[in-house]
Amino acid sequence: MDPRFNLLYGGLAGICAETSVYPLEVLRRRLQLIQAATRSGHFGSVRAFGNLSSMSKLLEIILKRDGFKGLYAGVLPTICQVLPSAAISYYIFELCKKRLEVYK
């Protein structure tokens, strides 16, 4: 297979993987920020979320406030980071398999 296709497929796989789990990353990050603000006593904009007891409650609040796009806020810079990384990793993996003559 042409090495350019390995780069392309690796990049596309990275984008698909990142966009599929990105909403969970947003929820995790927001929960961590809320917990850190609660511990330190610096509430600021965290007050808008109120007292959260679960990830599902946070999901409900984000969907009400920002809509579906709120779950993908900041996905473009992440994709710009993942695309070359995944593409190069997949390319190197396939190159090593070819050089070591490891075939299925």
C-alpha atoms as a PDB file:
ATOM      1  CA  MET A   1       0.000   0.000   0.000  1.00  0.00           C
ATOM      2  CA  ASP A   2       1.147   3.503  -0.795  1.00  0.00           C
ATOM      3  CA  PRO A   3       2.606   5.221   2.316  1.00  0.00           C
ATOM      4  CA  ARG A   4       0.413   8.263   1.666  1.00  0.00           C
ATOM      5  CA  PHE A   5      -2.641   6.087   2.268  1.00  0.00           C
ATOM      6  CA  ASN A   6      -1.176   4.919   5.573  1.00  0.00           C
ATOM      7  CA  LEU A   7      -0.804   8.546   6.623  1.00  0.00           C
ATOM      8  CA  LEU A   8      -4.326   9.366   5.457  1.00  0.00           C
ATOM      9  CA  TYR A   9      -5.954   6.365   7.134  1.00  0.00           C
ATOM     10  CA  GLY A  10      -4.051   6.906  10.356  1.00  0.00           C
ATOM     11  CA  GLY A  11      -5.090  10.543  10.473  1.00  0.00           C
ATOM     12  CA  LEU A  12      -8.729   9.709   9.756  1.00  0.00           C
ATOM     13  CA  ALA A  13      -8.723   7.003  12.422  1.00  0.00           C
ATOM     14  CA  GLY A  14      -7.323   9.487  14.942  1.00  0.00           C
ATOM     15  CA  ILE A  15      -9.979  12.065  14.070  1.00  0.00           C
ATOM     16  CA  CYS A  16     -12.780   9.491  14.372  1.00  0.00           C
ATOM     17  CA  ALA A  17     -11.478   8.240  17.706  1.00  0.00           C
ATOM     18  CA  GLU A  18     -11.058  11.726  19.149  1.00  0.00           C
ATOM     19  CA  THR A  19     -14.446  13.052  18.038  1.00  0.00           C
ATOM     20  CA  SER A  20     -16.226   9.984  19.383  1.00  0.00           C
ATOM     21  CA  VAL A  21     -14.862  10.368  22.918  1.00  0.00           C
ATOM     22  CA  TYR A  22     -14.556  14.167  23.015  1.00  0.00           C
ATOM     23  CA  PRO A  23     -17.886  14.792  24.793  1.00  0.00           C
ATOM     24  CA  LEU A  24     -16.720  12.523  27.619  1.00  0.00           C
ATOM     25  CA  GLU A  25     -13.473  14.487  27.821  1.00  0.00           C
ATOM     26  CA  VAL A  26     -15.438  17.740  28.091  1.00  0.00           C
ATOM     27  CA  LEU A  27     -17.516  16.298  30.937  1.00  0.00           C
ATOM     28  CA  ARG A  28     -14.435  14.971  32.732  1.00  0.00           C
ATOM     29  CA  ARG A  29     -12.607  18.286  32.411  1.00  0.00           C
ATOM     30  CA  ARG A  30     -15.558  20.307  33.675  1.00  0.00           C
ATOM     31  CA  LEU A  31     -16.068  17.990  36.646  1.00  0.00           C
ATOM     32  CA  GLN A  32     -12.392  18.316  37.531  1.00  0.00           C
ATOM     33  CA  LEU A  33     -12.584  22.118  37.337  1.00  0.00           C
ATOM     34  CA  ILE A  34     -15.690  22.182  39.506  1.00  0.00           C
ATOM     35  CA  GLN A  35     -14.072  19.921  42.111  1.00  0.00           C
ATOM     36  CA  ALA A  36     -10.885  21.992  42.142  1.00  0.00           C
ATOM     37  CA  ALA A  37     -12.850  25.237  42.524  1.00  0.00           C
ATOM     38  CA  THR A  38     -14.935  23.740  45.311  1.00  0.00           C
ATOM     39  CA  ARG A  39     -11.837  22.614  47.221  1.00  0.00           C
ATOM     40  CA  SER A  40     -10.020  25.916  46.828  1.00  0.00           C
ATOM     41  CA  GLY A  41     -13.051  28.110  47.517  1.00  0.00           C
ATOM     42  CA  HIS A  42     -12.715  30.020  44.209  1.00  0.00           C
ATOM     43  CA  PHE A  43     -16.126  29.591  42.673  1.00  0.00           C
ATOM     44  CA  GLY A  44     -16.270  32.281  39.951  1.00  0.00           C
ATOM     45  CA  SER A  45     -18.101  30.911  36.907  1.00  0.00           C
ATOM     46  CA  VAL A  46     -18.457  27.496  38.534  1.00  0.00           C
ATOM     47  CA  ARG A  47     -21.516  28.720  40.432  1.00  0.00           C
ATOM     48  CA  ALA A  48     -23.542  28.436  37.236  1.00  0.00           C
ATOM     49  CA  PHE A  49     -23.303  24.672  37.491  1.00  0.00           C
ATOM     50  CA  GLY A  50     -24.579  24.486  41.048  1.00  0.00           C
ATOM     51  CA  ASN A  51     -24.024  21.439  43.227  1.00  0.00           C
ATOM     52  CA  LEU A  52     -23.254  18.555  40.890  1.00  0.00           C
ATOM     53  CA  SER A  53     -23.501  15.003  42.016  1.00  0.00           C
ATOM     54  CA  SER A  54     -23.144  13.148  38.729  1.00  0.00           C
ATOM     55  CA  MET A  55     -21.922  13.254  35.186  1.00  0.00           C
ATOM     56  CA  SER A  56     -25.484  12.947  33.873  1.00  0.00           C
ATOM     57  CA  LYS A  57     -26.516  16.113  35.729  1.00  0.00           C
ATOM     58  CA  LEU A  58     -23.569  17.986  34.239  1.00  0.00           C
ATOM     59  CA  LEU A  59     -24.471  16.687  30.772  1.00  0.00           C
ATOM     60  CA  GLU A  60     -28.013  17.962  31.242  1.00  0.00           C
ATOM     61  CA  ILE A  61     -26.757  21.405  32.301  1.00  0.00           C
ATOM     62  CA  ILE A  62     -24.317  21.677  29.389  1.00  0.00           C
ATOM     63  CA  LEU A  63     -26.985  20.681  26.878  1.00  0.00           C
ATOM     64  CA  LYS A  64     -29.408  23.264  28.329  1.00  0.00           C
ATOM     65  CA  ARG A  65     -26.829  26.081  28.403  1.00  0.00           C
ATOM     66  CA  ASP A  66     -24.781  25.486  25.258  1.00  0.00           C
ATOM     67  CA  GLY A  67     -26.675  22.885  23.287  1.00  0.00           C
ATOM     68  CA  PHE A  68     -25.023  19.993  21.487  1.00  0.00           C
ATOM     69  CA  LYS A  69     -22.130  22.196  20.361  1.00  0.00           C
ATOM     70  CA  GLY A  70     -21.196  22.676  24.018  1.00  0.00           C
ATOM     71  CA  LEU A  71     -20.027  19.059  24.092  1.00  0.00           C
ATOM     72  CA  TYR A  72     -17.627  19.753  21.234  1.00  0.00           C
ATOM     73  CA  ALA A  73     -16.262  23.107  22.407  1.00  0.00           C
ATOM     74  CA  GLY A  74     -12.544  23.134  21.604  1.00  0.00           C
ATOM     75  CA  VAL A  75     -12.539  20.053  19.407  1.00  0.00           C
ATOM     76  CA  LEU A  76     -10.748  21.761  16.486  1.00  0.00           C
ATOM     77  CA  PRO A  77      -7.428  22.400  18.307  1.00  0.00           C
ATOM     78  CA  THR A  78      -7.568  18.849  19.626  1.00  0.00           C
ATOM     79  CA  ILE A  79      -8.060  17.468  16.114  1.00  0.00           C
ATOM     80  CA  CYS A  80      -5.151  19.589  14.895  1.00  0.00           C
ATOM     81  CA  GLN A  81      -3.021  17.900  17.547  1.00  0.00           C
ATOM     82  CA  VAL A  82      -4.305  14.356  16.990  1.00  0.00           C
ATOM     83  CA  LEU A  83      -4.257  14.332  13.183  1.00  0.00           C
ATOM     84  CA  PRO A  84      -0.481  14.422  12.618  1.00  0.00           C
ATOM     85  CA  SER A  85       0.222  12.293  15.670  1.00  0.00           C
ATOM     86  CA  ALA A  86      -2.128   9.482  14.662  1.00  0.00           C
ATOM     87  CA  ALA A  87      -1.083   9.670  11.011  1.00  0.00           C
ATOM     88  CA  ILE A  88       2.621   9.359  11.807  1.00  0.00           C
ATOM     89  CA  SER A  89       2.043   6.598  14.380  1.00  0.00           C
ATOM     90  CA  TYR A  90       0.042   4.523  11.917  1.00  0.00           C
ATOM     91  CA  TYR A  91       2.580   5.138   9.162  1.00  0.00           C
ATOM     92  CA  ILE A  92       5.506   4.063  11.371  1.00  0.00           C
ATOM     93  CA  PHE A  93       3.570   1.002  12.561  1.00  0.00           C
ATOM     94  CA  GLU A  94       2.905  -0.131   8.988  1.00  0.00           C
ATOM     95  CA  LEU A  95       6.476   0.647   7.942  1.00  0.00           C
ATOM     96  CA  CYS A  96       7.879  -1.469  10.794  1.00  0.00           C
ATOM     97  CA  LYS A  97       5.555  -4.342   9.920  1.00  0.00           C
ATOM     98  CA  LYS A  98       6.782  -4.196   6.338  1.00  0.00           C
ATOM     99  CA  ARG A  99      10.477  -3.972   7.271  1.00  0.00           C
ATOM    100  CA  LEU A 100      10.221  -6.772   9.842  1.00  0.00           C
ATOM    101  CA  GLU A 101       8.145  -8.842   7.419  1.00  0.00           C
ATOM    102  CA  VAL A 102       5.317  -9.304   9.872  1.00  0.00           C
ATOM    103  CA  TYR A 103       2.192 -10.199   7.917  1.00  0.00           C
ATOM    104  CA  LYS A 104      -1.150 -11.566   8.949  1.00  0.00           C
END
